[in-house]
Amino acid sequence: MTMRRTLENPVTGERLAFREETDAVLRFDYTLEPGGFAVGKVDHVHPNQEERFAVQSGRLGVRIDGDEWTATPGTRFSILSDTPHTVWNDGSNEMHAVVELRPGLELKSFFETIHGLARDGETNEWGLPGPLQLAVLADAYREEFALAGVPIPVQRVLASATAPVGRLAGHRARYERDGESA
């Protein structure tokens, strides 16, 4: 299925324009404005997904399993599941890459939610929501996303214990206003 939806995160400077969403792959154009960074500004992992980048323009700062470097146009690389990583714009111009996650799982819904929360001023300067909202997201998207540095089983126990409180406080895992832009 070809997608025509674009999400923008005013906090992180990220823009995602979805190209394809199937059970096998989530593919999107990923743009970072100068100073932009991946949500959280910290290493994260995709427990059950491989992530592939193809840099089209600009300079993408990359940290994979502690190794930092800069990807330039023409660079292609993959990040295996469960590997700590993060990315940021490492230049003074906009950076554009094509990103694929295999399998796609529910990561698109996670992006819609986190970008919608940022757009509504519900995140901190790193693009992360408060602890109760974060627990709800961590519980719902446990197969797609986790913070690096804290063992995943510990994160899952904490999220499972805290998410019900977050849901009682009105937080939800899916953002109804999904950020579709023209």
N, C-alpha and C. Protein backbone atom coordinates (compact mmCIF):
# COMPACT_ATOMS: atom_id res chain seq x y z
N MET A 1 0.85 -1.17 0.00
CA MET A 1 0.00 0.00 0.00
C MET A 1 0.90 1.24 0.00
N THR A 2 0.66 2.16 -0.92
CA THR A 2 1.43 3.40 -0.98
C THR A 2 0.78 4.42 -0.06
N MET A 3 1.62 5.09 0.74
CA MET A 3 1.12 6.05 1.71
C MET A 3 1.44 7.46 1.23
N ARG A 4 0.63 8.43 1.61
CA ARG A 4 0.84 9.82 1.27
C ARG A 4 0.73 10.70 2.51
N ARG A 5 1.10 10.18 3.65
CA ARG A 5 0.93 10.90 4.90
C ARG A 5 2.28 11.41 5.39
N THR A 6 2.29 12.65 5.87
CA THR A 6 3.52 13.24 6.40
C THR A 6 3.29 13.64 7.85
N LEU A 7 4.25 13.28 8.70
CA LEU A 7 4.22 13.66 10.11
C LEU A 7 5.39 14.61 10.36
N GLU A 8 5.15 15.64 11.14
CA GLU A 8 6.21 16.57 11.51
C GLU A 8 6.29 16.68 13.02
N ASN A 9 7.52 16.74 13.52
CA ASN A 9 7.75 16.89 14.95
C ASN A 9 8.45 18.23 15.17
N PRO A 10 7.75 19.22 15.71
CA PRO A 10 8.34 20.55 15.90
C PRO A 10 9.43 20.59 16.97
N VAL A 11 9.49 19.59 17.83
CA VAL A 11 10.49 19.56 18.89
C VAL A 11 11.81 18.99 18.38
N THR A 12 11.74 17.88 17.65
CA THR A 12 12.95 17.19 17.21
C THR A 12 13.42 17.61 15.82
N GLY A 13 12.57 18.29 15.07
CA GLY A 13 12.94 18.68 13.70
C GLY A 13 12.83 17.54 12.71
N GLU A 14 12.10 16.50 13.06
CA GLU A 14 11.91 15.34 12.17
C GLU A 14 10.67 15.53 11.30
N ARG A 15 10.77 14.98 10.08
CA ARG A 15 9.61 14.90 9.20
C ARG A 15 9.64 13.52 8.55
N LEU A 16 8.51 12.82 8.59
CA LEU A 16 8.40 11.49 8.02
C LEU A 16 7.30 11.52 6.97
N ALA A 17 7.63 11.14 5.74
CA ALA A 17 6.66 11.04 4.65
C ALA A 17 6.58 9.57 4.25
N PHE A 18 5.50 8.93 4.61
CA PHE A 18 5.37 7.49 4.43
C PHE A 18 5.21 7.13 2.96
N ARG A 19 6.01 6.15 2.52
CA ARG A 19 5.99 5.64 1.15
C ARG A 19 5.27 4.31 1.05
N GLU A 20 5.50 3.43 2.04
CA GLU A 20 4.95 2.08 1.97
C GLU A 20 4.76 1.53 3.38
N GLU A 21 3.63 0.87 3.56
CA GLU A 21 3.36 0.19 4.83
C GLU A 21 2.72 -1.15 4.53
N THR A 22 3.46 -2.22 4.79
CA THR A 22 2.94 -3.57 4.65
C THR A 22 3.36 -4.34 5.90
N ASP A 23 2.95 -5.60 5.98
CA ASP A 23 3.41 -6.42 7.09
C ASP A 23 4.92 -6.58 7.06
N ALA A 24 5.49 -6.56 5.86
CA ALA A 24 6.92 -6.81 5.69
C ALA A 24 7.78 -5.57 5.92
N VAL A 25 7.27 -4.38 5.62
CA VAL A 25 8.13 -3.18 5.64
C VAL A 25 7.32 -1.91 5.95
N LEU A 26 7.98 -1.00 6.65
CA LEU A 26 7.52 0.38 6.80
C LEU A 26 8.62 1.22 6.18
N ARG A 27 8.31 1.93 5.08
CA ARG A 27 9.31 2.73 4.35
C ARG A 27 8.84 4.18 4.32
N PHE A 28 9.78 5.09 4.64
CA PHE A 28 9.42 6.51 4.63
C PHE A 28 10.63 7.38 4.32
N ASP A 29 10.33 8.58 3.81
CA ASP A 29 11.35 9.61 3.66
C ASP A 29 11.53 10.25 5.02
N TYR A 30 12.76 10.34 5.46
CA TYR A 30 13.09 10.87 6.79
C TYR A 30 13.91 12.13 6.59
N THR A 31 13.38 13.24 7.08
CA THR A 31 14.06 14.53 6.95
C THR A 31 14.33 15.09 8.34
N LEU A 32 15.54 15.59 8.52
CA LEU A 32 15.92 16.26 9.77
C LEU A 32 16.39 17.66 9.44
N GLU A 33 15.80 18.64 10.08
CA GLU A 33 16.27 20.01 9.89
C GLU A 33 17.59 20.18 10.63
N PRO A 34 18.36 21.23 10.31
CA PRO A 34 19.61 21.47 11.05
C PRO A 34 19.33 21.49 12.55
N GLY A 35 20.13 20.77 13.32
CA GLY A 35 19.92 20.66 14.76
C GLY A 35 18.94 19.58 15.15
N GLY A 36 18.31 18.92 14.17
CA GLY A 36 17.31 17.90 14.45
C GLY A 36 17.91 16.59 14.91
N PHE A 37 17.08 15.78 15.57
CA PHE A 37 17.54 14.53 16.15
C PHE A 37 16.38 13.56 16.28
N ALA A 38 16.71 12.27 16.42
CA ALA A 38 15.69 11.25 16.66
C ALA A 38 15.06 11.48 18.03
N VAL A 39 13.77 11.21 18.15
CA VAL A 39 13.06 11.37 19.41
C VAL A 39 13.85 10.75 20.55
N GLY A 40 13.96 11.49 21.63
CA GLY A 40 14.62 11.00 22.83
C GLY A 40 16.06 11.46 22.96
N LYS A 41 16.70 11.74 21.83
CA LYS A 41 18.09 12.21 21.84
C LYS A 41 19.01 11.24 22.57
N VAL A 42 18.55 10.00 22.72
CA VAL A 42 19.33 8.97 23.40
C VAL A 42 19.26 7.69 22.57
N ASP A 43 20.16 6.77 22.84
CA ASP A 43 20.13 5.50 22.13
C ASP A 43 18.85 4.74 22.45
N HIS A 44 18.34 4.07 21.42
CA HIS A 44 17.17 3.23 21.56
C HIS A 44 17.39 1.95 20.77
N VAL A 45 16.50 1.00 20.92
CA VAL A 45 16.57 -0.25 20.17
C VAL A 45 15.19 -0.56 19.59
N HIS A 46 15.21 -1.33 18.52
CA HIS A 46 13.99 -1.91 17.96
C HIS A 46 14.13 -3.42 18.22
N PRO A 47 13.44 -3.94 19.24
CA PRO A 47 13.65 -5.33 19.65
C PRO A 47 13.41 -6.37 18.55
N ASN A 48 12.52 -6.06 17.62
CA ASN A 48 12.15 -7.05 16.61
C ASN A 48 12.17 -6.52 15.18
N GLN A 49 12.95 -5.47 14.95
CA GLN A 49 12.99 -4.88 13.62
C GLN A 49 14.42 -4.53 13.22
N GLU A 50 14.72 -4.74 11.94
CA GLU A 50 15.94 -4.24 11.35
C GLU A 50 15.62 -2.88 10.74
N GLU A 51 16.52 -1.92 10.89
CA GLU A 51 16.32 -0.57 10.35
C GLU A 51 17.39 -0.31 9.30
N ARG A 52 16.97 0.17 8.13
CA ARG A 52 17.89 0.46 7.04
C ARG A 52 17.80 1.93 6.65
N PHE A 53 18.95 2.54 6.44
CA PHE A 53 19.02 3.94 6.03
C PHE A 53 19.72 4.05 4.68
N ALA A 54 19.23 4.95 3.83
CA ALA A 54 19.91 5.32 2.58
C ALA A 54 19.92 6.85 2.55
N VAL A 55 21.08 7.45 2.83
CA VAL A 55 21.18 8.91 2.91
C VAL A 55 21.14 9.50 1.50
N GLN A 56 20.23 10.45 1.30
CA GLN A 56 20.05 11.09 0.00
C GLN A 56 20.76 12.43 -0.08
N SER A 57 20.67 13.20 1.02
CA SER A 57 21.32 14.52 1.04
C SER A 57 21.60 14.92 2.49
N GLY A 58 22.54 15.81 2.67
CA GLY A 58 22.89 16.29 4.00
C GLY A 58 23.85 15.34 4.71
N ARG A 59 23.99 15.57 6.00
CA ARG A 59 24.92 14.79 6.84
C ARG A 59 24.14 14.22 8.02
N LEU A 60 24.16 12.90 8.15
CA LEU A 60 23.44 12.22 9.22
C LEU A 60 24.44 11.71 10.24
N GLY A 61 24.39 12.27 11.46
CA GLY A 61 25.19 11.74 12.56
C GLY A 61 24.58 10.43 13.00
N VAL A 62 25.43 9.44 13.23
CA VAL A 62 24.98 8.09 13.55
C VAL A 62 25.77 7.57 14.74
N ARG A 63 25.07 6.93 15.68
CA ARG A 63 25.74 6.18 16.74
C ARG A 63 25.08 4.81 16.79
N ILE A 64 25.89 3.77 16.51
CA ILE A 64 25.41 2.39 16.55
C ILE A 64 26.29 1.62 17.50
N ASP A 65 25.69 1.12 18.55
CA ASP A 65 26.40 0.32 19.56
C ASP A 65 27.67 1.03 20.05
N GLY A 66 27.56 2.36 20.26
CA GLY A 66 28.66 3.15 20.80
C GLY A 66 29.60 3.73 19.77
N ASP A 67 29.54 3.29 18.52
CA ASP A 67 30.42 3.77 17.45
C ASP A 67 29.75 4.95 16.74
N GLU A 68 30.40 6.13 16.79
CA GLU A 68 29.85 7.34 16.17
C GLU A 68 30.55 7.66 14.86
N TRP A 69 29.75 8.07 13.87
CA TRP A 69 30.29 8.47 12.58
C TRP A 69 29.25 9.30 11.84
N THR A 70 29.63 9.81 10.67
CA THR A 70 28.73 10.64 9.87
C THR A 70 28.47 9.97 8.53
N ALA A 71 27.19 9.81 8.19
CA ALA A 71 26.79 9.26 6.90
C ALA A 71 26.51 10.42 5.95
N THR A 72 27.00 10.32 4.73
CA THR A 72 26.83 11.35 3.72
C THR A 72 26.04 10.78 2.54
N PRO A 73 25.64 11.62 1.58
CA PRO A 73 24.84 11.12 0.46
C PRO A 73 25.48 9.91 -0.22
N GLY A 74 24.63 8.91 -0.46
CA GLY A 74 25.08 7.66 -1.05
C GLY A 74 25.36 6.57 -0.02
N THR A 75 25.48 6.95 1.25
CA THR A 75 25.74 5.97 2.30
C THR A 75 24.48 5.16 2.59
N ARG A 76 24.67 3.85 2.66
CA ARG A 76 23.58 2.93 3.05
C ARG A 76 24.10 2.10 4.21
N PHE A 77 23.25 1.89 5.20
CA PHE A 77 23.64 1.04 6.33
C PHE A 77 22.39 0.44 6.97
N SER A 78 22.61 -0.63 7.71
CA SER A 78 21.53 -1.33 8.41
C SER A 78 21.87 -1.42 9.89
N ILE A 79 20.83 -1.42 10.69
CA ILE A 79 20.97 -1.60 12.14
C ILE A 79 20.15 -2.83 12.50
N LEU A 80 20.83 -3.83 13.01
CA LEU A 80 20.15 -5.06 13.37
C LEU A 80 19.24 -4.86 14.57
N SER A 81 18.23 -5.71 14.70
CA SER A 81 17.32 -5.62 15.84
C SER A 81 18.13 -5.72 17.13
N ASP A 82 17.61 -5.06 18.16
CA ASP A 82 18.20 -5.07 19.50
C ASP A 82 19.56 -4.38 19.59
N THR A 83 19.91 -3.56 18.61
CA THR A 83 21.20 -2.85 18.60
C THR A 83 20.97 -1.40 19.02
N PRO A 84 21.62 -0.92 20.07
CA PRO A 84 21.47 0.48 20.50
C PRO A 84 21.95 1.44 19.41
N HIS A 85 21.13 2.46 19.15
CA HIS A 85 21.49 3.44 18.11
C HIS A 85 20.69 4.73 18.28
N THR A 86 21.17 5.77 17.63
CA THR A 86 20.44 7.02 17.49
C THR A 86 21.01 7.76 16.29
N VAL A 87 20.29 8.77 15.82
CA VAL A 87 20.74 9.58 14.69
C VAL A 87 20.40 11.04 14.94
N TRP A 88 21.12 11.93 14.25
CA TRP A 88 20.89 13.37 14.34
C TRP A 88 21.41 14.02 13.08
N ASN A 89 20.98 15.26 12.82
CA ASN A 89 21.51 16.01 11.69
C ASN A 89 22.88 16.53 12.10
N ASP A 90 23.90 16.15 11.36
CA ASP A 90 25.28 16.51 11.68
C ASP A 90 25.80 17.60 10.74
N GLY A 91 24.90 18.38 10.18
CA GLY A 91 25.32 19.43 9.26
C GLY A 91 24.49 20.68 9.40
N SER A 92 24.75 21.62 8.54
CA SER A 92 24.04 22.91 8.59
C SER A 92 22.89 22.97 7.58
N ASN A 93 22.70 21.91 6.81
CA ASN A 93 21.59 21.84 5.85
C ASN A 93 20.65 20.72 6.25
N GLU A 94 19.46 20.75 5.68
CA GLU A 94 18.50 19.68 5.93
C GLU A 94 19.09 18.33 5.48
N MET A 95 18.81 17.29 6.22
CA MET A 95 19.25 15.94 5.89
C MET A 95 18.04 15.14 5.43
N HIS A 96 18.22 14.36 4.37
CA HIS A 96 17.14 13.51 3.87
C HIS A 96 17.68 12.09 3.67
N ALA A 97 16.95 11.11 4.20
CA ALA A 97 17.27 9.69 4.01
C ALA A 97 15.98 8.93 3.75
N VAL A 98 16.10 7.79 3.11
CA VAL A 98 14.99 6.86 3.01
C VAL A 98 15.25 5.79 4.06
N VAL A 99 14.25 5.55 4.89
CA VAL A 99 14.38 4.60 6.00
C VAL A 99 13.39 3.46 5.80
N GLU A 100 13.85 2.25 6.10
CA GLU A 100 12.99 1.07 6.07
C GLU A 100 13.11 0.34 7.40
N LEU A 101 12.01 -0.10 7.91
CA LEU A 101 12.00 -0.98 9.08
C LEU A 101 11.33 -2.27 8.66
N ARG A 102 12.02 -3.40 8.96
CA ARG A 102 11.53 -4.72 8.56
C ARG A 102 11.48 -5.62 9.78
N PRO A 103 10.32 -6.18 10.10
CA PRO A 103 8.99 -5.87 9.58
C PRO A 103 8.49 -4.53 10.11
N GLY A 104 7.41 -4.03 9.53
CA GLY A 104 6.90 -2.73 9.92
C GLY A 104 6.26 -2.69 11.31
N LEU A 105 5.63 -3.81 11.69
CA LEU A 105 4.92 -3.91 12.96
C LEU A 105 4.02 -2.68 13.16
N GLU A 106 4.00 -2.10 14.35
CA GLU A 106 3.11 -0.96 14.66
C GLU A 106 3.89 0.34 14.86
N LEU A 107 5.09 0.43 14.28
CA LEU A 107 5.92 1.62 14.52
C LEU A 107 5.30 2.89 13.94
N LYS A 108 4.54 2.78 12.85
CA LYS A 108 3.89 3.96 12.30
C LYS A 108 2.93 4.58 13.32
N SER A 109 2.18 3.77 14.04
CA SER A 109 1.28 4.29 15.07
C SER A 109 2.06 4.96 16.20
N PHE A 110 3.20 4.39 16.56
CA PHE A 110 4.06 5.02 17.56
C PHE A 110 4.49 6.41 17.09
N PHE A 111 4.96 6.50 15.83
CA PHE A 111 5.38 7.80 15.28
C PHE A 111 4.22 8.79 15.28
N GLU A 112 3.03 8.35 14.85
CA GLU A 112 1.87 9.24 14.84
C GLU A 112 1.59 9.79 16.23
N THR A 113 1.69 8.94 17.22
CA THR A 113 1.40 9.35 18.60
C THR A 113 2.45 10.30 19.13
N ILE A 114 3.73 9.94 19.02
CA ILE A 114 4.79 10.77 19.59
C ILE A 114 4.87 12.12 18.88
N HIS A 115 4.66 12.14 17.55
CA HIS A 115 4.69 13.41 16.82
C HIS A 115 3.47 14.27 17.15
N GLY A 116 2.32 13.63 17.33
CA GLY A 116 1.13 14.38 17.73
C GLY A 116 1.28 15.00 19.11
N LEU A 117 1.84 14.25 20.04
CA LEU A 117 2.08 14.78 21.39
C LEU A 117 3.04 15.96 21.34
N ALA A 118 4.10 15.86 20.54
CA ALA A 118 5.06 16.96 20.42
C ALA A 118 4.40 18.19 19.82
N ARG A 119 3.59 17.97 18.80
CA ARG A 119 2.89 19.08 18.14
C ARG A 119 1.97 19.81 19.13
N ASP A 120 1.41 19.06 20.08
CA ASP A 120 0.49 19.65 21.05
C ASP A 120 1.19 20.12 22.33
N GLY A 121 2.53 20.13 22.32
CA GLY A 121 3.27 20.63 23.48
C GLY A 121 3.29 19.68 24.66
N GLU A 122 3.10 18.39 24.40
CA GLU A 122 3.03 17.40 25.48
C GLU A 122 4.32 16.59 25.64
N THR A 123 5.44 17.13 25.16
CA THR A 123 6.73 16.45 25.31
C THR A 123 7.76 17.42 25.85
N ASN A 124 8.90 16.87 26.30
CA ASN A 124 9.99 17.73 26.77
C ASN A 124 10.87 18.15 25.59
N GLU A 125 11.99 18.80 25.88
CA GLU A 125 12.87 19.32 24.82
C GLU A 125 13.54 18.19 24.03
N TRP A 126 13.45 16.96 24.48
CA TRP A 126 13.99 15.82 23.75
C TRP A 126 12.90 15.10 22.93
N GLY A 127 11.67 15.60 23.02
CA GLY A 127 10.57 14.99 22.30
C GLY A 127 9.92 13.83 23.03
N LEU A 128 10.24 13.65 24.31
CA LEU A 128 9.66 12.56 25.10
C LEU A 128 8.51 13.07 25.97
N PRO A 129 7.43 12.29 26.07
CA PRO A 129 6.32 12.68 26.94
C PRO A 129 6.67 12.40 28.40
N GLY A 130 5.78 12.80 29.29
CA GLY A 130 5.95 12.55 30.72
C GLY A 130 5.94 11.06 31.03
N PRO A 131 6.30 10.71 32.27
CA PRO A 131 6.48 9.30 32.64
C PRO A 131 5.24 8.42 32.46
N LEU A 132 4.06 8.92 32.79
CA LEU A 132 2.87 8.08 32.65
C LEU A 132 2.53 7.82 31.18
N GLN A 133 2.63 8.88 30.35
CA GLN A 133 2.40 8.69 28.91
C GLN A 133 3.46 7.77 28.32
N LEU A 134 4.70 7.95 28.74
CA LEU A 134 5.79 7.11 28.25
C LEU A 134 5.56 5.64 28.64
N ALA A 135 5.04 5.39 29.83
CA ALA A 135 4.75 4.02 30.25
C ALA A 135 3.67 3.39 29.38
N VAL A 136 2.64 4.17 29.04
CA VAL A 136 1.58 3.67 28.16
C VAL A 136 2.16 3.31 26.80
N LEU A 137 3.03 4.18 26.26
CA LEU A 137 3.65 3.91 24.96
C LEU A 137 4.58 2.70 25.04
N ALA A 138 5.39 2.63 26.09
CA ALA A 138 6.33 1.51 26.24
C ALA A 138 5.59 0.18 26.35
N ASP A 139 4.44 0.19 26.99
CA ASP A 139 3.65 -1.02 27.12
C ASP A 139 3.03 -1.42 25.78
N ALA A 140 2.51 -0.46 25.05
CA ALA A 140 1.82 -0.74 23.78
C ALA A 140 2.79 -1.08 22.65
N TYR A 141 3.96 -0.47 22.65
CA TYR A 141 4.90 -0.64 21.53
C TYR A 141 6.16 -1.39 21.96
N ARG A 142 6.02 -2.34 22.84
CA ARG A 142 7.16 -3.09 23.39
C ARG A 142 7.90 -3.90 22.32
N GLU A 143 7.24 -4.28 21.24
CA GLU A 143 7.89 -5.04 20.17
C GLU A 143 8.63 -4.13 19.20
N GLU A 144 8.32 -2.84 19.22
CA GLU A 144 8.88 -1.89 18.25
C GLU A 144 9.98 -1.00 18.80
N PHE A 145 9.93 -0.65 20.08
CA PHE A 145 10.79 0.42 20.58
C PHE A 145 11.11 0.23 22.06
N ALA A 146 12.36 0.46 22.43
CA ALA A 146 12.76 0.47 23.84
C ALA A 146 13.97 1.38 23.98
N LEU A 147 14.16 1.93 25.14
CA LEU A 147 15.35 2.73 25.40
C LEU A 147 16.53 1.79 25.63
N ALA A 148 17.69 2.20 25.15
CA ALA A 148 18.89 1.41 25.39
C ALA A 148 19.41 1.73 26.79
N GLY A 149 20.19 0.85 27.34
CA GLY A 149 20.81 1.11 28.64
C GLY A 149 20.07 0.53 29.82
N VAL A 150 18.78 0.27 29.65
CA VAL A 150 17.99 -0.38 30.71
C VAL A 150 17.53 -1.71 30.11
N PRO A 151 17.80 -2.82 30.77
CA PRO A 151 17.40 -4.11 30.20
C PRO A 151 15.93 -4.13 29.80
N ILE A 152 15.66 -4.66 28.63
CA ILE A 152 14.29 -4.69 28.11
C ILE A 152 13.33 -5.39 29.07
N PRO A 153 13.69 -6.52 29.70
CA PRO A 153 12.75 -7.13 30.65
C PRO A 153 12.38 -6.18 31.80
N VAL A 154 13.33 -5.39 32.27
CA VAL A 154 13.04 -4.42 33.34
C VAL A 154 12.08 -3.35 32.81
N GLN A 155 12.33 -2.84 31.60
CA GLN A 155 11.43 -1.84 31.01
C GLN A 155 10.02 -2.39 30.86
N ARG A 156 9.91 -3.65 30.44
CA ARG A 156 8.59 -4.24 30.24
C ARG A 156 7.84 -4.41 31.56
N VAL A 157 8.54 -4.81 32.60
CA VAL A 157 7.89 -4.94 33.92
C VAL A 157 7.42 -3.57 34.40
N LEU A 158 8.31 -2.57 34.30
CA LEU A 158 7.95 -1.21 34.74
C LEU A 158 6.78 -0.66 33.94
N ALA A 159 6.81 -0.85 32.61
CA ALA A 159 5.73 -0.36 31.77
C ALA A 159 4.42 -1.07 32.09
N SER A 160 4.47 -2.38 32.27
CA SER A 160 3.25 -3.13 32.58
C SER A 160 2.64 -2.70 33.91
N ALA A 161 3.50 -2.36 34.86
CA ALA A 161 3.02 -1.95 36.18
C ALA A 161 2.49 -0.52 36.18
N THR A 162 3.09 0.34 35.37
CA THR A 162 2.76 1.77 35.40
C THR A 162 1.72 2.17 34.35
N ALA A 163 1.67 1.45 33.22
CA ALA A 163 0.75 1.82 32.14
C ALA A 163 -0.72 1.89 32.58
N PRO A 164 -1.21 0.97 33.43
CA PRO A 164 -2.61 1.09 33.85
C PRO A 164 -2.90 2.42 34.57
N VAL A 165 -1.94 2.90 35.34
CA VAL A 165 -2.11 4.20 36.01
C VAL A 165 -2.16 5.30 34.96
N GLY A 166 -1.28 5.20 33.96
CA GLY A 166 -1.28 6.18 32.88
C GLY A 166 -2.59 6.20 32.11
N ARG A 167 -3.12 5.01 31.83
CA ARG A 167 -4.40 4.95 31.11
C ARG A 167 -5.53 5.52 31.97
N LEU A 168 -5.51 5.24 33.29
CA LEU A 168 -6.53 5.82 34.18
C LEU A 168 -6.43 7.35 34.20
N ALA A 169 -5.20 7.87 34.01
CA ALA A 169 -5.00 9.33 33.99
C ALA A 169 -5.36 9.93 32.63
N GLY A 170 -5.81 9.09 31.68
CA GLY A 170 -6.27 9.59 30.39
C GLY A 170 -5.26 9.49 29.25
N HIS A 171 -4.12 8.93 29.50
CA HIS A 171 -3.13 8.77 28.42
C HIS A 171 -3.50 7.57 27.57
N ARG A 172 -3.17 7.65 26.29
CA ARG A 172 -3.49 6.55 25.39
C ARG A 172 -2.29 6.25 24.48
N ALA A 173 -2.31 5.07 23.90
CA ALA A 173 -1.20 4.62 23.07
C ALA A 173 -1.33 5.07 21.62
N ARG A 174 -2.52 5.41 21.21
CA ARG A 174 -2.73 5.86 19.82
C ARG A 174 -3.30 7.26 19.84
N TYR A 175 -2.69 8.10 19.08
CA TYR A 175 -3.08 9.49 19.00
C TYR A 175 -4.11 9.65 17.91
N GLU A 176 -5.31 10.04 18.26
CA GLU A 176 -6.39 10.10 17.28
C GLU A 176 -6.17 11.14 16.20
N ARG A 177 -5.59 12.28 16.58
CA ARG A 177 -5.26 13.31 15.60
C ARG A 177 -3.87 13.01 15.09
N ASP A 178 -3.78 12.24 14.01
CA ASP A 178 -2.52 11.61 13.61
C ASP A 178 -1.54 12.51 12.88
N GLY A 179 -1.77 13.79 12.80
CA GLY A 179 -0.76 14.67 12.24
C GLY A 179 -0.70 14.69 10.73
N GLU A 180 -1.74 14.19 10.05
CA GLU A 180 -1.68 14.22 8.58
C GLU A 180 -1.59 15.67 8.14
N SER A 181 -0.64 15.93 7.27
CA SER A 181 -0.50 17.29 6.77
C SER A 181 -0.70 17.29 5.26
N ALA A 182 -1.03 18.43 4.77
CA ALA A 182 -1.30 18.55 3.33
C ALA A 182 -0.04 18.52 2.52
